[in-house]
Amino acid sequence: MRPQAPVSLIIEPWRVTSRIRGDSAAAVLEQIEFQYGPDDRAVKLRGNADLKFGRQPEFKGALSSPHIDLDRVLALPESARRHPLAAVKTLAESFLAASRLPIPAALSLSAEGVTARRCSAGALRRRCKGRW
């Protein structure tokens, strides 16, 4: 039996900036600006987060964007663009691969508008919880 090929995820560059206030017990991240992907086709999200330290560390955050164009962000071939759910799955897998945290985390993501297959959709909201 042949070994299976490793799963190929798209790993994109990312950047995050924030104002941070905190002490030895916790930190508050305000005015977060998170960019995922190269400048010419990046997803840009803004938000806030709380980070608790100590015996039970935890990360809770919320990020949002006014609009996300999945076709541009993912730079998928035309054949893959015909399947919007595949595009969303690819974005989620690559985002999670780039954001592995060693502590429990809860992250709320939202976009007021999403474009896939050159068609606009309404608001998108997703809450993720767990150890990434």
C-alpha atoms as a PDB file:
ATOM      1  CA  MET A   1       0.000   0.000   0.000  1.00  0.00           C
ATOM      2  CA  ARG A   2       1.374   3.407  -0.973  1.00  0.00           C
ATOM      3  CA  PRO A   3       1.630   6.186   1.614  1.00  0.00           C
ATOM      4  CA  GLN A   4      -0.724   9.045   0.931  1.00  0.00           C
ATOM      5  CA  ALA A   5       0.662  12.363  -0.214  1.00  0.00           C
ATOM      6  CA  PRO A   6       0.719  15.055   2.480  1.00  0.00           C
ATOM      7  CA  VAL A   7      -2.203  17.459   2.542  1.00  0.00           C
ATOM      8  CA  SER A   8      -1.253  20.648   0.755  1.00  0.00           C
ATOM      9  CA  LEU A   9      -2.454  23.850   2.417  1.00  0.00           C
ATOM     10  CA  ILE A  10      -1.922  27.315   1.064  1.00  0.00           C
ATOM     11  CA  ILE A  11       0.275  29.119   3.573  1.00  0.00           C
ATOM     12  CA  GLU A  12       0.072  32.879   3.110  1.00  0.00           C
ATOM     13  CA  PRO A  13       2.026  35.707   4.698  1.00  0.00           C
ATOM     14  CA  TRP A  14       0.240  37.530   7.483  1.00  0.00           C
ATOM     15  CA  ARG A  15       0.733  40.592   9.663  1.00  0.00           C
ATOM     16  CA  VAL A  16      -0.934  41.840  12.818  1.00  0.00           C
ATOM     17  CA  THR A  17      -0.646  45.158  14.653  1.00  0.00           C
ATOM     18  CA  SER A  18      -2.385  46.258  17.837  1.00  0.00           C
ATOM     19  CA  ARG A  19      -2.312  48.513  20.862  1.00  0.00           C
ATOM     20  CA  ILE A  20      -1.681  46.386  23.937  1.00  0.00           C
ATOM     21  CA  ARG A  21      -2.466  47.147  27.579  1.00  0.00           C
ATOM     22  CA  GLY A  22      -1.849  44.608  30.272  1.00  0.00           C
ATOM     23  CA  ASP A  23      -0.193  43.257  33.369  1.00  0.00           C
ATOM     24  CA  SER A  24       0.992  39.851  34.578  1.00  0.00           C
ATOM     25  CA  ALA A  25      -2.592  38.492  34.695  1.00  0.00           C
ATOM     26  CA  ALA A  26      -4.064  39.638  31.386  1.00  0.00           C
ATOM     27  CA  ALA A  27      -3.673  41.764  28.273  1.00  0.00           C
ATOM     28  CA  VAL A  28      -6.182  43.697  26.178  1.00  0.00           C
ATOM     29  CA  LEU A  29      -5.458  44.044  22.469  1.00  0.00           C
ATOM     30  CA  GLU A  30      -7.224  47.075  20.995  1.00  0.00           C
ATOM     31  CA  GLN A  31      -7.441  48.336  17.441  1.00  0.00           C
ATOM     32  CA  ILE A  32      -6.153  45.064  16.001  1.00  0.00           C
ATOM     33  CA  GLU A  33      -5.387  45.212  12.305  1.00  0.00           C
ATOM     34  CA  PHE A  34      -4.882  41.728  10.861  1.00  0.00           C
ATOM     35  CA  GLN A  35      -3.817  41.224   7.249  1.00  0.00           C
ATOM     36  CA  TYR A  36      -3.823  37.711   5.812  1.00  0.00           C
ATOM     37  CA  GLY A  37      -2.222  37.205   2.407  1.00  0.00           C
ATOM     38  CA  PRO A  38       0.038  39.291   0.167  1.00  0.00           C
ATOM     39  CA  ASP A  39      -0.710  43.020  -0.151  1.00  0.00           C
ATOM     40  CA  ASP A  40      -2.285  42.748  -3.617  1.00  0.00           C
ATOM     41  CA  ARG A  41      -4.989  40.277  -2.482  1.00  0.00           C
ATOM     42  CA  ALA A  42      -5.079  40.387   1.316  1.00  0.00           C
ATOM     43  CA  VAL A  43      -7.987  39.923   3.681  1.00  0.00           C
ATOM     44  CA  LYS A  44      -7.928  42.828   6.121  1.00  0.00           C
ATOM     45  CA  LEU A  45      -9.725  42.431   9.428  1.00  0.00           C
ATOM     46  CA  ARG A  46     -10.033  44.741  12.426  1.00  0.00           C
ATOM     47  CA  GLY A  47     -11.089  44.105  15.979  1.00  0.00           C
ATOM     48  CA  ASN A  48     -10.209  43.590  19.629  1.00  0.00           C
ATOM     49  CA  ALA A  49      -9.146  40.704  21.866  1.00  0.00           C
ATOM     50  CA  ASP A  50      -8.555  39.702  25.475  1.00  0.00           C
ATOM     51  CA  LEU A  51      -5.724  37.416  26.565  1.00  0.00           C
ATOM     52  CA  LYS A  52      -5.632  35.826  30.037  1.00  0.00           C
ATOM     53  CA  PHE A  53      -2.387  34.434  31.449  1.00  0.00           C
ATOM     54  CA  GLY A  54      -1.792  32.087  34.377  1.00  0.00           C
ATOM     55  CA  ARG A  55      -2.922  28.535  35.088  1.00  0.00           C
ATOM     56  CA  GLN A  56      -5.829  28.708  32.636  1.00  0.00           C
ATOM     57  CA  PRO A  57      -4.692  30.974  29.806  1.00  0.00           C
ATOM     58  CA  GLU A  58      -7.287  31.901  27.211  1.00  0.00           C
ATOM     59  CA  PHE A  59      -7.632  34.051  24.106  1.00  0.00           C
ATOM     60  CA  LYS A  60     -10.972  35.670  23.127  1.00  0.00           C
ATOM     61  CA  GLY A  61     -11.210  37.921  20.118  1.00  0.00           C
ATOM     62  CA  ALA A  62     -13.492  39.393  17.474  1.00  0.00           C
ATOM     63  CA  LEU A  63     -12.374  40.438  13.981  1.00  0.00           C
ATOM     64  CA  SER A  64     -14.466  41.889  11.169  1.00  0.00           C
ATOM     65  CA  SER A  65     -14.189  43.202   7.635  1.00  0.00           C
ATOM     66  CA  PRO A  66     -16.629  45.236   5.569  1.00  0.00           C
ATOM     67  CA  HIS A  67     -16.088  42.958   2.535  1.00  0.00           C
ATOM     68  CA  ILE A  68     -14.131  39.848   1.555  1.00  0.00           C
ATOM     69  CA  ASP A  69     -13.622  38.860  -2.093  1.00  0.00           C
ATOM     70  CA  LEU A  70     -12.806  35.138  -1.968  1.00  0.00           C
ATOM     71  CA  ASP A  71     -11.905  34.993  -5.670  1.00  0.00           C
ATOM     72  CA  ARG A  72      -9.212  37.647  -5.250  1.00  0.00           C
ATOM     73  CA  VAL A  73      -7.988  36.506  -1.834  1.00  0.00           C
ATOM     74  CA  LEU A  74      -7.455  32.875  -2.733  1.00  0.00           C
ATOM     75  CA  ALA A  75      -6.192  33.367  -6.311  1.00  0.00           C
ATOM     76  CA  LEU A  76      -7.808  30.068  -7.221  1.00  0.00           C
ATOM     77  CA  PRO A  77      -7.843  28.718 -10.776  1.00  0.00           C
ATOM     78  CA  GLU A  78     -11.104  29.279 -12.686  1.00  0.00           C
ATOM     79  CA  SER A  79     -12.180  25.650 -12.213  1.00  0.00           C
ATOM     80  CA  ALA A  80     -12.017  25.981  -8.419  1.00  0.00           C
ATOM     81  CA  ARG A  81     -13.863  29.319  -8.453  1.00  0.00           C
ATOM     82  CA  ARG A  82     -16.935  27.500  -9.755  1.00  0.00           C
ATOM     83  CA  HIS A  83     -17.315  25.889  -6.328  1.00  0.00           C
ATOM     84  CA  PRO A  84     -17.795  28.598  -3.648  1.00  0.00           C
ATOM     85  CA  LEU A  85     -17.852  26.107  -0.770  1.00  0.00           C
ATOM     86  CA  ALA A  86     -14.452  24.782  -1.867  1.00  0.00           C
ATOM     87  CA  ALA A  87     -13.152  28.363  -1.808  1.00  0.00           C
ATOM     88  CA  VAL A  88     -14.469  28.933   1.716  1.00  0.00           C
ATOM     89  CA  LYS A  89     -12.970  25.611   2.848  1.00  0.00           C
ATOM     90  CA  THR A  90      -9.581  26.521   1.330  1.00  0.00           C
ATOM     91  CA  LEU A  91      -9.604  29.901   3.089  1.00  0.00           C
ATOM     92  CA  ALA A  92     -10.552  28.349   6.440  1.00  0.00           C
ATOM     93  CA  GLU A  93      -7.888  25.616   6.198  1.00  0.00           C
ATOM     94  CA  SER A  94      -5.129  28.043   5.268  1.00  0.00           C
ATOM     95  CA  PHE A  95      -6.197  30.529   7.962  1.00  0.00           C
ATOM     96  CA  LEU A  96      -6.210  27.849  10.672  1.00  0.00           C
ATOM     97  CA  ALA A  97      -2.836  26.496   9.514  1.00  0.00           C
ATOM     98  CA  ALA A  98      -1.328  29.956   9.952  1.00  0.00           C
ATOM     99  CA  SER A  99      -2.892  30.632  13.355  1.00  0.00           C
ATOM    100  CA  ARG A 100      -2.067  27.687  15.603  1.00  0.00           C
ATOM    101  CA  LEU A 101      -2.260  28.802  19.241  1.00  0.00           C
ATOM    102  CA  PRO A 102      -1.017  26.678  22.154  1.00  0.00           C
ATOM    103  CA  ILE A 103      -3.897  27.827  24.410  1.00  0.00           C
ATOM    104  CA  PRO A 104      -7.711  27.621  24.324  1.00  0.00           C
ATOM    105  CA  ALA A 105      -9.110  30.308  22.061  1.00  0.00           C
ATOM    106  CA  ALA A 106     -12.423  31.729  20.883  1.00  0.00           C
ATOM    107  CA  LEU A 107     -12.504  33.906  17.786  1.00  0.00           C
ATOM    108  CA  SER A 108     -15.489  35.545  16.178  1.00  0.00           C
ATOM    109  CA  LEU A 109     -15.101  36.445  12.489  1.00  0.00           C
ATOM    110  CA  SER A 110     -17.560  38.529  10.488  1.00  0.00           C
ATOM    111  CA  ALA A 111     -17.852  40.225   7.107  1.00  0.00           C
ATOM    112  CA  GLU A 112     -20.739  42.399   5.989  1.00  0.00           C
ATOM    113  CA  GLY A 113     -20.327  41.230   2.403  1.00  0.00           C
ATOM    114  CA  VAL A 114     -18.645  38.289   0.690  1.00  0.00           C
ATOM    115  CA  THR A 115     -17.972  37.778  -3.012  1.00  0.00           C
ATOM    116  CA  ALA A 116     -17.459  34.304  -4.470  1.00  0.00           C
ATOM    117  CA  ARG A 117     -17.674  33.324  -8.127  1.00  0.00           C
ATOM    118  CA  ARG A 118     -18.051  37.005  -8.894  1.00  0.00           C
ATOM    119  CA  CYS A 119     -21.379  36.967  -7.035  1.00  0.00           C
ATOM    120  CA  SER A 120     -22.036  38.950  -3.880  1.00  0.00           C
ATOM    121  CA  ALA A 121     -23.546  37.350  -0.818  1.00  0.00           C
ATOM    122  CA  GLY A 122     -24.835  38.833   2.403  1.00  0.00           C
ATOM    123  CA  ALA A 123     -23.174  38.924   5.775  1.00  0.00           C
ATOM    124  CA  LEU A 124     -20.935  36.107   6.999  1.00  0.00           C
ATOM    125  CA  ARG A 125     -20.481  35.391  10.680  1.00  0.00           C
ATOM    126  CA  ARG A 126     -18.472  32.551  12.179  1.00  0.00           C
ATOM    127  CA  ARG A 127     -17.471  31.765  15.736  1.00  0.00           C
ATOM    128  CA  CYS A 128     -14.516  29.419  16.230  1.00  0.00           C
ATOM    129  CA  LYS A 129     -13.645  27.921  19.571  1.00  0.00           C
ATOM    130  CA  GLY A 130     -11.008  25.452  20.670  1.00  0.00           C
ATOM    131  CA  ARG A 131      -7.298  24.858  20.681  1.00  0.00           C
ATOM    132  CA  TRP A 132      -5.850  25.727  17.250  1.00  0.00           C
END
